[in-house]
mmCIF file of all heavy atoms, coordinates in Angstrom:
data_MODEL
# 
_entry.id   MODEL 
# 
loop_
_atom_site.group_PDB 
_atom_site.id 
_atom_site.type_symbol 
_atom_site.label_atom_id 
_atom_site.label_alt_id 
_atom_site.label_comp_id 
_atom_site.label_asym_id 
_atom_site.label_entity_id 
_atom_site.label_seq_id 
_atom_site.pdbx_PDB_ins_code 
_atom_site.Cartn_x 
_atom_site.Cartn_y 
_atom_site.Cartn_z 
_atom_site.occupancy 
_atom_site.B_iso_or_equiv 
_atom_site.pdbx_formal_charge 
_atom_site.auth_seq_id 
_atom_site.auth_comp_id 
_atom_site.auth_asym_id 
_atom_site.auth_atom_id 
_atom_site.pdbx_PDB_model_num 
ATOM 1   N N   . TYR A 1 1  ? -28.774 -2.599 -2.301  1.00 0.00 ? 1  TYR A N   1 
ATOM 2   C CA  . TYR A 1 1  ? -28.249 -1.705 -3.343  1.00 0.00 ? 1  TYR A CA  1 
ATOM 3   C C   . TYR A 1 1  ? -26.746 -1.503 -3.159  1.00 0.00 ? 1  TYR A C   1 
ATOM 4   O O   . TYR A 1 1  ? -25.984 -1.549 -4.133  1.00 0.00 ? 1  TYR A O   1 
ATOM 5   C CB  . TYR A 1 1  ? -28.984 -0.368 -3.292  1.00 0.00 ? 1  TYR A CB  1 
ATOM 6   C CG  . TYR A 1 1  ? -28.551 0.607  -4.373  1.00 0.00 ? 1  TYR A CG  1 
ATOM 7   C CD1 . TYR A 1 1  ? -28.939 0.414  -5.695  1.00 0.00 ? 1  TYR A CD1 1 
ATOM 8   C CD2 . TYR A 1 1  ? -27.749 1.701  -4.070  1.00 0.00 ? 1  TYR A CD2 1 
ATOM 9   C CE1 . TYR A 1 1  ? -28.543 1.295  -6.694  1.00 0.00 ? 1  TYR A CE1 1 
ATOM 10  C CE2 . TYR A 1 1  ? -27.354 2.590  -5.055  1.00 0.00 ? 1  TYR A CE2 1 
ATOM 11  C CZ  . TYR A 1 1  ? -27.746 2.378  -6.365  1.00 0.00 ? 1  TYR A CZ  1 
ATOM 12  O OH  . TYR A 1 1  ? -27.350 3.258  -7.359  1.00 0.00 ? 1  TYR A OH  1 
ATOM 13  N N   . MET A 1 2  ? -26.335 -1.293 -1.930  1.00 0.00 ? 2  MET A N   1 
ATOM 14  C CA  . MET A 1 2  ? -24.904 -1.123 -1.662  1.00 0.00 ? 2  MET A CA  1 
ATOM 15  C C   . MET A 1 2  ? -24.108 -2.356 -2.082  1.00 0.00 ? 2  MET A C   1 
ATOM 16  O O   . MET A 1 2  ? -23.058 -2.255 -2.720  1.00 0.00 ? 2  MET A O   1 
ATOM 17  C CB  . MET A 1 2  ? -24.692 -0.853 -0.172  1.00 0.00 ? 2  MET A CB  1 
ATOM 18  C CG  . MET A 1 2  ? -24.927 0.583  0.241   1.00 0.00 ? 2  MET A CG  1 
ATOM 19  S SD  . MET A 1 2  ? -23.532 1.649  -0.215  1.00 0.00 ? 2  MET A SD  1 
ATOM 20  C CE  . MET A 1 2  ? -22.270 1.041  0.895   1.00 0.00 ? 2  MET A CE  1 
ATOM 21  N N   . ARG A 1 3  ? -24.601 -3.543 -1.721  1.00 0.00 ? 3  ARG A N   1 
ATOM 22  C CA  . ARG A 1 3  ? -23.890 -4.781 -2.083  1.00 0.00 ? 3  ARG A CA  1 
ATOM 23  C C   . ARG A 1 3  ? -23.778 -4.913 -3.599  1.00 0.00 ? 3  ARG A C   1 
ATOM 24  O O   . ARG A 1 3  ? -22.751 -5.351 -4.117  1.00 0.00 ? 3  ARG A O   1 
ATOM 25  C CB  . ARG A 1 3  ? -24.619 -5.999 -1.513  1.00 0.00 ? 3  ARG A CB  1 
ATOM 26  C CG  . ARG A 1 3  ? -24.410 -6.254 -0.035  1.00 0.00 ? 3  ARG A CG  1 
ATOM 27  C CD  . ARG A 1 3  ? -24.874 -7.664 0.340   1.00 0.00 ? 3  ARG A CD  1 
ATOM 28  N NE  . ARG A 1 3  ? -26.275 -7.888 -0.036  1.00 0.00 ? 3  ARG A NE  1 
ATOM 29  C CZ  . ARG A 1 3  ? -27.308 -7.614 0.753   1.00 0.00 ? 3  ARG A CZ  1 
ATOM 30  N NH1 . ARG A 1 3  ? -27.103 -7.101 1.964   1.00 0.00 ? 3  ARG A NH1 1 
ATOM 31  N NH2 . ARG A 1 3  ? -28.537 -7.864 0.359   1.00 0.00 ? 3  ARG A NH2 1 
ATOM 32  N N   . ASP A 1 4  ? -24.848 -4.548 -4.294  1.00 0.00 ? 4  ASP A N   1 
ATOM 33  C CA  . ASP A 1 4  ? -24.891 -4.731 -5.741  1.00 0.00 ? 4  ASP A CA  1 
ATOM 34  C C   . ASP A 1 4  ? -24.018 -3.731 -6.490  1.00 0.00 ? 4  ASP A C   1 
ATOM 35  O O   . ASP A 1 4  ? -23.413 -4.076 -7.499  1.00 0.00 ? 4  ASP A O   1 
ATOM 36  C CB  . ASP A 1 4  ? -26.342 -4.617 -6.219  1.00 0.00 ? 4  ASP A CB  1 
ATOM 37  C CG  . ASP A 1 4  ? -26.520 -5.070 -7.652  1.00 0.00 ? 4  ASP A CG  1 
ATOM 38  O OD1 . ASP A 1 4  ? -25.851 -6.037 -8.058  1.00 0.00 ? 4  ASP A OD1 1 
ATOM 39  O OD2 . ASP A 1 4  ? -27.322 -4.449 -8.371  1.00 0.00 ? 4  ASP A OD2 1 
ATOM 40  N N   . ARG A 1 5  ? -23.907 -2.499 -5.976  1.00 0.00 ? 5  ARG A N   1 
ATOM 41  C CA  . ARG A 1 5  ? -23.296 -1.448 -6.765  1.00 0.00 ? 5  ARG A CA  1 
ATOM 42  C C   . ARG A 1 5  ? -21.894 -1.033 -6.322  1.00 0.00 ? 5  ARG A C   1 
ATOM 43  O O   . ARG A 1 5  ? -21.142 -0.459 -7.116  1.00 0.00 ? 5  ARG A O   1 
ATOM 44  C CB  . ARG A 1 5  ? -24.187 -0.183 -6.736  1.00 0.00 ? 5  ARG A CB  1 
ATOM 45  C CG  . ARG A 1 5  ? -25.545 -0.382 -7.339  1.00 0.00 ? 5  ARG A CG  1 
ATOM 46  C CD  . ARG A 1 5  ? -25.474 -0.880 -8.793  1.00 0.00 ? 5  ARG A CD  1 
ATOM 47  N NE  . ARG A 1 5  ? -24.684 0.012  -9.622  1.00 0.00 ? 5  ARG A NE  1 
ATOM 48  C CZ  . ARG A 1 5  ? -23.802 -0.426 -10.524 1.00 0.00 ? 5  ARG A CZ  1 
ATOM 49  N NH1 . ARG A 1 5  ? -23.605 -1.717 -10.717 1.00 0.00 ? 5  ARG A NH1 1 
ATOM 50  N NH2 . ARG A 1 5  ? -23.129 0.443  -11.246 1.00 0.00 ? 5  ARG A NH2 1 
ATOM 51  N N   . ALA A 1 6  ? -21.545 -1.271 -5.061  1.00 0.00 ? 6  ALA A N   1 
ATOM 52  C CA  . ALA A 1 6  ? -20.310 -0.686 -4.542  1.00 0.00 ? 6  ALA A CA  1 
ATOM 53  C C   . ALA A 1 6  ? -19.069 -1.093 -5.340  1.00 0.00 ? 6  ALA A C   1 
ATOM 54  O O   . ALA A 1 6  ? -18.275 -0.235 -5.746  1.00 0.00 ? 6  ALA A O   1 
ATOM 55  C CB  . ALA A 1 6  ? -20.139 -1.050 -3.068  1.00 0.00 ? 6  ALA A CB  1 
ATOM 56  N N   . ALA A 1 7  ? -18.879 -2.384 -5.586  1.00 0.00 ? 7  ALA A N   1 
ATOM 57  C CA  . ALA A 1 7  ? -17.658 -2.834 -6.260  1.00 0.00 ? 7  ALA A CA  1 
ATOM 58  C C   . ALA A 1 7  ? -17.568 -2.276 -7.672  1.00 0.00 ? 7  ALA A C   1 
ATOM 59  O O   . ALA A 1 7  ? -16.498 -1.836 -8.122  1.00 0.00 ? 7  ALA A O   1 
ATOM 60  C CB  . ALA A 1 7  ? -17.610 -4.360 -6.281  1.00 0.00 ? 7  ALA A CB  1 
ATOM 61  N N   . ASP A 1 8  ? -18.689 -2.280 -8.399  1.00 0.00 ? 8  ASP A N   1 
ATOM 62  C CA  . ASP A 1 8  ? -18.711 -1.763 -9.771  1.00 0.00 ? 8  ASP A CA  1 
ATOM 63  C C   . ASP A 1 8  ? -18.345 -0.282 -9.790  1.00 0.00 ? 8  ASP A C   1 
ATOM 64  O O   . ASP A 1 8  ? -17.489 0.162  -10.564 1.00 0.00 ? 8  ASP A O   1 
ATOM 65  C CB  . ASP A 1 8  ? -20.106 -1.991 -10.359 1.00 0.00 ? 8  ASP A CB  1 
ATOM 66  C CG  . ASP A 1 8  ? -20.191 -1.728 -11.859 1.00 0.00 ? 8  ASP A CG  1 
ATOM 67  O OD1 . ASP A 1 8  ? -19.128 -1.699 -12.527 1.00 0.00 ? 8  ASP A OD1 1 
ATOM 68  O OD2 . ASP A 1 8  ? -21.310 -1.549 -12.366 1.00 0.00 ? 8  ASP A OD2 1 
ATOM 69  N N   . VAL A 1 9  ? -18.987 0.490  -8.926  1.00 0.00 ? 9  VAL A N   1 
ATOM 70  C CA  . VAL A 1 9  ? -18.752 1.940  -8.899  1.00 0.00 ? 9  VAL A CA  1 
ATOM 71  C C   . VAL A 1 9  ? -17.316 2.255  -8.510  1.00 0.00 ? 9  VAL A C   1 
ATOM 72  O O   . VAL A 1 9  ? -16.610 3.014  -9.194  1.00 0.00 ? 9  VAL A O   1 
ATOM 73  C CB  . VAL A 1 9  ? -19.736 2.630  -7.936  1.00 0.00 ? 9  VAL A CB  1 
ATOM 74  C CG1 . VAL A 1 9  ? -19.311 4.071  -7.656  1.00 0.00 ? 9  VAL A CG1 1 
ATOM 75  C CG2 . VAL A 1 9  ? -21.147 2.602  -8.510  1.00 0.00 ? 9  VAL A CG2 1 
ATOM 76  N N   . TRP A 1 10 ? -16.850 1.683  -7.418  1.00 0.00 ? 10 TRP A N   1 
ATOM 77  C CA  . TRP A 1 10 ? -15.524 2.041  -6.920  1.00 0.00 ? 10 TRP A CA  1 
ATOM 78  C C   . TRP A 1 10 ? -14.419 1.540  -7.843  1.00 0.00 ? 10 TRP A C   1 
ATOM 79  O O   . TRP A 1 10 ? -13.436 2.245  -8.085  1.00 0.00 ? 10 TRP A O   1 
ATOM 80  C CB  . TRP A 1 10 ? -15.338 1.522  -5.498  1.00 0.00 ? 10 TRP A CB  1 
ATOM 81  C CG  . TRP A 1 10 ? -16.268 2.183  -4.518  1.00 0.00 ? 10 TRP A CG  1 
ATOM 82  C CD1 . TRP A 1 10 ? -16.851 3.420  -4.641  1.00 0.00 ? 10 TRP A CD1 1 
ATOM 83  C CD2 . TRP A 1 10 ? -16.733 1.653  -3.279  1.00 0.00 ? 10 TRP A CD2 1 
ATOM 84  N NE1 . TRP A 1 10 ? -17.659 3.687  -3.566  1.00 0.00 ? 10 TRP A NE1 1 
ATOM 85  C CE2 . TRP A 1 10 ? -17.604 2.612  -2.700  1.00 0.00 ? 10 TRP A CE2 1 
ATOM 86  C CE3 . TRP A 1 10 ? -16.513 0.466  -2.592  1.00 0.00 ? 10 TRP A CE3 1 
ATOM 87  C CZ2 . TRP A 1 10 ? -18.237 2.416  -1.484  1.00 0.00 ? 10 TRP A CZ2 1 
ATOM 88  C CZ3 . TRP A 1 10 ? -17.145 0.271  -1.373  1.00 0.00 ? 10 TRP A CZ3 1 
ATOM 89  C CH2 . TRP A 1 10 ? -17.987 1.240  -0.831  1.00 0.00 ? 10 TRP A CH2 1 
ATOM 90  N N   . SER A 1 11 ? -14.556 0.323  -8.368  1.00 0.00 ? 11 SER A N   1 
ATOM 91  C CA  . SER A 1 11 ? -13.491 -0.221 -9.223  1.00 0.00 ? 11 SER A CA  1 
ATOM 92  C C   . SER A 1 11 ? -13.376 0.559  -10.528 1.00 0.00 ? 11 SER A C   1 
ATOM 93  O O   . SER A 1 11 ? -12.270 0.845  -11.000 1.00 0.00 ? 11 SER A O   1 
ATOM 94  C CB  . SER A 1 11 ? -13.724 -1.705 -9.509  1.00 0.00 ? 11 SER A CB  1 
ATOM 95  O OG  . SER A 1 11 ? -14.892 -1.904 -10.285 1.00 0.00 ? 11 SER A OG  1 
ATOM 96  N N   . ARG A 1 12 ? -14.500 0.935  -11.107 1.00 0.00 ? 12 ARG A N   1 
ATOM 97  C CA  . ARG A 1 12 ? -14.433 1.668  -12.381 1.00 0.00 ? 12 ARG A CA  1 
ATOM 98  C C   . ARG A 1 12 ? -13.976 3.107  -12.184 1.00 0.00 ? 12 ARG A C   1 
ATOM 99  O O   . ARG A 1 12 ? -13.306 3.679  -13.058 1.00 0.00 ? 12 ARG A O   1 
ATOM 100 C CB  . ARG A 1 12 ? -15.772 1.580  -13.099 1.00 0.00 ? 12 ARG A CB  1 
ATOM 101 C CG  . ARG A 1 12 ? -16.005 0.184  -13.639 1.00 0.00 ? 12 ARG A CG  1 
ATOM 102 C CD  . ARG A 1 12 ? -17.356 -0.016 -14.288 1.00 0.00 ? 12 ARG A CD  1 
ATOM 103 N NE  . ARG A 1 12 ? -17.606 -1.442 -14.401 1.00 0.00 ? 12 ARG A NE  1 
ATOM 104 C CZ  . ARG A 1 12 ? -17.100 -2.220 -15.365 1.00 0.00 ? 12 ARG A CZ  1 
ATOM 105 N NH1 . ARG A 1 12 ? -16.336 -1.693 -16.291 1.00 0.00 ? 12 ARG A NH1 1 
ATOM 106 N NH2 . ARG A 1 12 ? -17.365 -3.506 -15.393 1.00 0.00 ? 12 ARG A NH2 1 
ATOM 107 N N   . THR A 1 13 ? -14.318 3.695  -11.055 1.00 0.00 ? 13 THR A N   1 
ATOM 108 C CA  . THR A 1 13 ? -13.808 5.027  -10.760 1.00 0.00 ? 13 THR A CA  1 
ATOM 109 C C   . THR A 1 13 ? -12.297 4.987  -10.618 1.00 0.00 ? 13 THR A C   1 
ATOM 110 O O   . THR A 1 13 ? -11.571 5.811  -11.191 1.00 0.00 ? 13 THR A O   1 
ATOM 111 C CB  . THR A 1 13 ? -14.441 5.584  -9.465  1.00 0.00 ? 13 THR A CB  1 
ATOM 112 O OG1 . THR A 1 13 ? -15.860 5.604  -9.596  1.00 0.00 ? 13 THR A OG1 1 
ATOM 113 C CG2 . THR A 1 13 ? -13.949 7.001  -9.193  1.00 0.00 ? 13 THR A CG2 1 
ATOM 114 N N   . LEU A 1 14 ? -11.789 4.004  -9.861  1.00 0.00 ? 14 LEU A N   1 
ATOM 115 C CA  . LEU A 1 14 ? -10.347 3.872  -9.681  1.00 0.00 ? 14 LEU A CA  1 
ATOM 116 C C   . LEU A 1 14 ? -9.642  3.571  -10.998 1.00 0.00 ? 14 LEU A C   1 
ATOM 117 O O   . LEU A 1 14 ? -8.576  4.126  -11.289 1.00 0.00 ? 14 LEU A O   1 
ATOM 118 C CB  . LEU A 1 14 ? -10.051 2.768  -8.660  1.00 0.00 ? 14 LEU A CB  1 
ATOM 119 C CG  . LEU A 1 14 ? -10.352 3.096  -7.200  1.00 0.00 ? 14 LEU A CG  1 
ATOM 120 C CD1 . LEU A 1 14 ? -10.232 1.841  -6.340  1.00 0.00 ? 14 LEU A CD1 1 
ATOM 121 C CD2 . LEU A 1 14 ? -9.424  4.184  -6.684  1.00 0.00 ? 14 LEU A CD2 1 
ATOM 122 N N   . ALA A 1 15 ? -10.238 2.697  -11.814 1.00 0.00 ? 15 ALA A N   1 
ATOM 123 C CA  . ALA A 1 15 ? -9.588  2.296  -13.069 1.00 0.00 ? 15 ALA A CA  1 
ATOM 124 C C   . ALA A 1 15 ? -9.498  3.454  -14.050 1.00 0.00 ? 15 ALA A C   1 
ATOM 125 O O   . ALA A 1 15 ? -8.434  3.699  -14.643 1.00 0.00 ? 15 ALA A O   1 
ATOM 126 C CB  . ALA A 1 15 ? -10.342 1.123  -13.689 1.00 0.00 ? 15 ALA A CB  1 
ATOM 127 N N   . THR A 1 16 ? -10.600 4.178  -14.228 1.00 0.00 ? 16 THR A N   1 
ATOM 128 C CA  . THR A 1 16 ? -10.573 5.284  -15.193 1.00 0.00 ? 16 THR A CA  1 
ATOM 129 C C   . THR A 1 16 ? -9.699  6.427  -14.698 1.00 0.00 ? 16 THR A C   1 
ATOM 130 O O   . THR A 1 16 ? -8.969  7.045  -15.475 1.00 0.00 ? 16 THR A O   1 
ATOM 131 C CB  . THR A 1 16 ? -11.988 5.797  -15.495 1.00 0.00 ? 16 THR A CB  1 
ATOM 132 O OG1 . THR A 1 16 ? -12.649 6.140  -14.272 1.00 0.00 ? 16 THR A OG1 1 
ATOM 133 C CG2 . THR A 1 16 ? -12.804 4.756  -16.236 1.00 0.00 ? 16 THR A CG2 1 
ATOM 134 N N   . GLU A 1 17 ? -9.740  6.712  -13.400 1.00 0.00 ? 17 GLU A N   1 
ATOM 135 C CA  . GLU A 1 17 ? -8.884  7.772  -12.876 1.00 0.00 ? 17 GLU A CA  1 
ATOM 136 C C   . GLU A 1 17 ? -7.419  7.349  -12.907 1.00 0.00 ? 17 GLU A C   1 
ATOM 137 O O   . GLU A 1 17 ? -6.528  8.170  -13.176 1.00 0.00 ? 17 GLU A O   1 
ATOM 138 C CB  . GLU A 1 17 ? -9.306  8.139  -11.451 1.00 0.00 ? 17 GLU A CB  1 
ATOM 139 C CG  . GLU A 1 17 ? -8.389  9.117  -10.741 1.00 0.00 ? 17 GLU A CG  1 
ATOM 140 C CD  . GLU A 1 17 ? -8.185  10.461 -11.432 1.00 0.00 ? 17 GLU A CD  1 
ATOM 141 O OE1 . GLU A 1 17 ? -8.615  10.644 -12.598 1.00 0.00 ? 17 GLU A OE1 1 
ATOM 142 O OE2 . GLU A 1 17 ? -7.574  11.354 -10.820 1.00 0.00 ? 17 GLU A OE2 1 
ATOM 143 N N   . GLY A 1 18 ? -7.151  6.075  -12.675 1.00 0.00 ? 18 GLY A N   1 
ATOM 144 C CA  . GLY A 1 18 ? -5.777  5.601  -12.775 1.00 0.00 ? 18 GLY A CA  1 
ATOM 145 C C   . GLY A 1 18 ? -5.220  5.787  -14.172 1.00 0.00 ? 18 GLY A C   1 
ATOM 146 O O   . GLY A 1 18 ? -4.085  6.262  -14.351 1.00 0.00 ? 18 GLY A O   1 
ATOM 147 N N   . LEU A 1 19 ? -6.012  5.428  -15.184 1.00 0.00 ? 19 LEU A N   1 
ATOM 148 C CA  . LEU A 1 19 ? -5.567  5.620  -16.565 1.00 0.00 ? 19 LEU A CA  1 
ATOM 149 C C   . LEU A 1 19 ? -5.412  7.099  -16.873 1.00 0.00 ? 19 LEU A C   1 
ATOM 150 O O   . LEU A 1 19 ? -4.441  7.520  -17.520 1.00 0.00 ? 19 LEU A O   1 
ATOM 151 C CB  . LEU A 1 19 ? -6.566  4.974  -17.532 1.00 0.00 ? 19 LEU A CB  1 
ATOM 152 C CG  . LEU A 1 19 ? -6.271  5.132  -19.023 1.00 0.00 ? 19 LEU A CG  1 
ATOM 153 C CD1 . LEU A 1 19 ? -4.869  4.629  -19.365 1.00 0.00 ? 19 LEU A CD1 1 
ATOM 154 C CD2 . LEU A 1 19 ? -7.319  4.400  -19.853 1.00 0.00 ? 19 LEU A CD2 1 
ATOM 155 N N   . ASN A 1 20 ? -6.349  7.907  -16.403 1.00 0.00 ? 20 ASN A N   1 
ATOM 156 C CA  . ASN A 1 20 ? -6.273  9.352  -16.639 1.00 0.00 ? 20 ASN A CA  1 
ATOM 157 C C   . ASN A 1 20 ? -4.982  9.921  -16.053 1.00 0.00 ? 20 ASN A C   1 
ATOM 158 O O   . ASN A 1 20 ? -4.310  10.756 -16.666 1.00 0.00 ? 20 ASN A O   1 
ATOM 159 C CB  . ASN A 1 20 ? -7.493  10.035 -16.018 1.00 0.00 ? 20 ASN A CB  1 
ATOM 160 C CG  . ASN A 1 20 ? -7.596  11.501 -16.391 1.00 0.00 ? 20 ASN A CG  1 
ATOM 161 O OD1 . ASN A 1 20 ? -7.369  11.885 -17.524 1.00 0.00 ? 20 ASN A OD1 1 
ATOM 162 N ND2 . ASN A 1 20 ? -7.923  12.331 -15.413 1.00 0.00 ? 20 ASN A ND2 1 
ATOM 163 N N   . ARG A 1 21 ? -4.621  9.471  -14.851 1.00 0.00 ? 21 ARG A N   1 
ATOM 164 C CA  . ARG A 1 21 ? -3.403  9.992  -14.212 1.00 0.00 ? 21 ARG A CA  1 
ATOM 165 C C   . ARG A 1 21 ? -2.140  9.552  -14.935 1.00 0.00 ? 21 ARG A C   1 
ATOM 166 O O   . ARG A 1 21 ? -1.135  10.265 -14.928 1.00 0.00 ? 21 ARG A O   1 
ATOM 167 C CB  . ARG A 1 21 ? -3.359  9.567  -12.748 1.00 0.00 ? 21 ARG A CB  1 
ATOM 168 C CG  . ARG A 1 21 ? -4.303  10.377 -11.859 1.00 0.00 ? 21 ARG A CG  1 
ATOM 169 C CD  . ARG A 1 21 ? -4.209  9.952  -10.407 1.00 0.00 ? 21 ARG A CD  1 
ATOM 170 N NE  . ARG A 1 21 ? -5.092  10.740 -9.566  1.00 0.00 ? 21 ARG A NE  1 
ATOM 171 C CZ  . ARG A 1 21 ? -4.762  11.890 -8.987  1.00 0.00 ? 21 ARG A CZ  1 
ATOM 172 N NH1 . ARG A 1 21 ? -3.545  12.399 -9.187  1.00 0.00 ? 21 ARG A NH1 1 
ATOM 173 N NH2 . ARG A 1 21 ? -5.615  12.543 -8.223  1.00 0.00 ? 21 ARG A NH2 1 
ATOM 174 N N   . THR A 1 22 ? -2.154  8.374  -15.563 1.00 0.00 ? 22 THR A N   1 
ATOM 175 C CA  . THR A 1 22 ? -0.970  7.973  -16.330 1.00 0.00 ? 22 THR A CA  1 
ATOM 176 C C   . THR A 1 22 ? -0.780  8.872  -17.546 1.00 0.00 ? 22 THR A C   1 
ATOM 177 O O   . THR A 1 22 ? 0.344   9.038  -18.023 1.00 0.00 ? 22 THR A O   1 
ATOM 178 C CB  . THR A 1 22 ? -1.045  6.504  -16.797 1.00 0.00 ? 22 THR A CB  1 
ATOM 179 O OG1 . THR A 1 22 ? -2.088  6.353  -17.767 1.00 0.00 ? 22 THR A OG1 1 
ATOM 180 C CG2 . THR A 1 22 ? -1.266  5.551  -15.644 1.00 0.00 ? 22 THR A CG2 1 
ATOM 181 N N   . LEU A 1 23 ? -1.880  9.462  -18.047 1.00 0.00 ? 23 LEU A N   1 
ATOM 182 C CA  . LEU A 1 23 ? -1.753  10.378 -19.180 1.00 0.00 ? 23 LEU A CA  1 
ATOM 183 C C   . LEU A 1 23 ? -1.154  11.704 -18.754 1.00 0.00 ? 23 LEU A C   1 
ATOM 184 O O   . LEU A 1 23 ? -0.335  12.293 -19.462 1.00 0.00 ? 23 LEU A O   1 
ATOM 185 C CB  . LEU A 1 23 ? -3.128  10.631 -19.816 1.00 0.00 ? 23 LEU A CB  1 
ATOM 186 C CG  . LEU A 1 23 ? -3.901  9.439  -20.347 1.00 0.00 ? 23 LEU A CG  1 
ATOM 187 C CD1 . LEU A 1 23 ? -5.192  9.898  -21.005 1.00 0.00 ? 23 LEU A CD1 1 
ATOM 188 C CD2 . LEU A 1 23 ? -3.065  8.649  -21.334 1.00 0.00 ? 23 LEU A CD2 1 
ATOM 189 N N   . THR A 1 24 ? -1.588  12.212 -17.583 1.00 0.00 ? 24 THR A N   1 
ATOM 190 C CA  . THR A 1 24 ? -1.186  13.546 -17.157 1.00 0.00 ? 24 THR A CA  1 
ATOM 191 C C   . THR A 1 24 ? 0.100   13.549 -16.334 1.00 0.00 ? 24 THR A C   1 
ATOM 192 O O   . THR A 1 24 ? 0.685   14.607 -16.103 1.00 0.00 ? 24 THR A O   1 
ATOM 193 C CB  . THR A 1 24 ? -2.304  14.206 -16.328 1.00 0.00 ? 24 THR A CB  1 
ATOM 194 O OG1 . THR A 1 24 ? -2.609  13.387 -15.190 1.00 0.00 ? 24 THR A OG1 1 
ATOM 195 C CG2 . THR A 1 24 ? -3.573  14.345 -17.166 1.00 0.00 ? 24 THR A CG2 1 
ATOM 196 N N   . SER A 1 25 ? 0.556   12.368 -15.894 1.00 0.00 ? 25 SER A N   1 
ATOM 197 C CA  . SER A 1 25 ? 1.759   12.302 -15.070 1.00 0.00 ? 25 SER A CA  1 
ATOM 198 C C   . SER A 1 25 ? 3.011   12.565 -15.908 1.00 0.00 ? 25 SER A C   1 
ATOM 199 O O   . SER A 1 25 ? 3.085   12.224 -17.092 1.00 0.00 ? 25 SER A O   1 
ATOM 200 C CB  . SER A 1 25 ? 1.869   10.918 -14.416 1.00 0.00 ? 25 SER A CB  1 
ATOM 201 O OG  . SER A 1 25 ? 3.109   10.775 -13.768 1.00 0.00 ? 25 SER A OG  1 
ATOM 202 N N   . ALA A 1 26 ? 4.016   13.146 -15.250 1.00 0.00 ? 26 ALA A N   1 
ATOM 203 C CA  . ALA A 1 26 ? 5.304   13.390 -15.910 1.00 0.00 ? 26 ALA A CA  1 
ATOM 204 C C   . ALA A 1 26 ? 6.300   12.263 -15.659 1.00 0.00 ? 26 ALA A C   1 
ATOM 205 O O   . ALA A 1 26 ? 7.432   12.326 -16.141 1.00 0.00 ? 26 ALA A O   1 
ATOM 206 C CB  . ALA A 1 26 ? 5.895   14.711 -15.415 1.00 0.00 ? 26 ALA A CB  1 
ATOM 207 N N   . HIS A 1 27 ? 5.906   11.223 -14.921 1.00 0.00 ? 27 HIS A N   1 
ATOM 208 C CA  . HIS A 1 27 ? 6.844   10.162 -14.549 1.00 0.00 ? 27 HIS A CA  1 
ATOM 209 C C   . HIS A 1 27 ? 6.999   9.142  -15.688 1.00 0.00 ? 27 HIS A C   1 
ATOM 210 O O   . HIS A 1 27 ? 6.035   8.472  -16.066 1.00 0.00 ? 27 HIS A O   1 
ATOM 211 C CB  . HIS A 1 27 ? 6.363   9.439  -13.287 1.00 0.00 ? 27 HIS A CB  1 
ATOM 212 C CG  . HIS A 1 27 ? 6.378   10.312 -12.071 1.00 0.00 ? 27 HIS A CG  1 
ATOM 213 N ND1 . HIS A 1 27 ? 7.539   10.762 -11.494 1.00 0.00 ? 27 HIS A ND1 1 
ATOM 214 C CD2 . HIS A 1 27 ? 5.357   10.828 -11.336 1.00 0.00 ? 27 HIS A CD2 1 
ATOM 215 C CE1 . HIS A 1 27 ? 7.262   11.513 -10.446 1.00 0.00 ? 27 HIS A CE1 1 
ATOM 216 N NE2 . HIS A 1 27 ? 5.938   11.570 -10.329 1.00 0.00 ? 27 HIS A NE2 1 
ATOM 217 N N   . PRO A 1 28 ? 8.200   8.982  -16.237 1.00 0.00 ? 28 PRO A N   1 
ATOM 218 C CA  . PRO A 1 28 ? 8.421   8.003  -17.312 1.00 0.00 ? 28 PRO A CA  1 
ATOM 219 C C   . PRO A 1 28 ? 8.062   6.583  -16.910 1.00 0.00 ? 28 PRO A C   1 
ATOM 220 O O   . PRO A 1 28 ? 7.651   5.778  -17.753 1.00 0.00 ? 28 PRO A O   1 
ATOM 221 C CB  . PRO A 1 28 ? 9.919   8.136  -17.612 1.00 0.00 ? 28 PRO A CB  1 
ATOM 222 C CG  . PRO A 1 28 ? 10.289  9.506  -17.139 1.00 0.00 ? 28 PRO A CG  1 
ATOM 223 C CD  . PRO A 1 28 ? 9.418   9.754  -15.951 1.00 0.00 ? 28 PRO A CD  1 
ATOM 224 N N   . SER A 1 29 ? 8.220   6.236  -15.608 1.00 0.00 ? 29 SER A N   1 
ATOM 225 C CA  . SER A 1 29 ? 7.917   4.872  -15.183 1.00 0.00 ? 29 SER A CA  1 
ATOM 226 C C   . SER A 1 29 ? 6.439   4.550  -15.387 1.00 0.00 ? 29 SER A C   1 
ATOM 227 O O   . SER A 1 29 ? 6.085   3.419  -15.773 1.00 0.00 ? 29 SER A O   1 
ATOM 228 C CB  . SER A 1 29 ? 8.292   4.674  -13.711 1.00 0.00 ? 29 SER A CB  1 
ATOM 229 O OG  . SER A 1 29 ? 7.598   5.603  -12.884 1.00 0.00 ? 29 SER A OG  1 
# 
């Protein structure tokens, strides 16, 4: 189960949170 799910779970969590942070960040870059 760990082998099957880890990459999907962690990558999508990082991707969606990364996009979310670009919305809330004040940094123009």
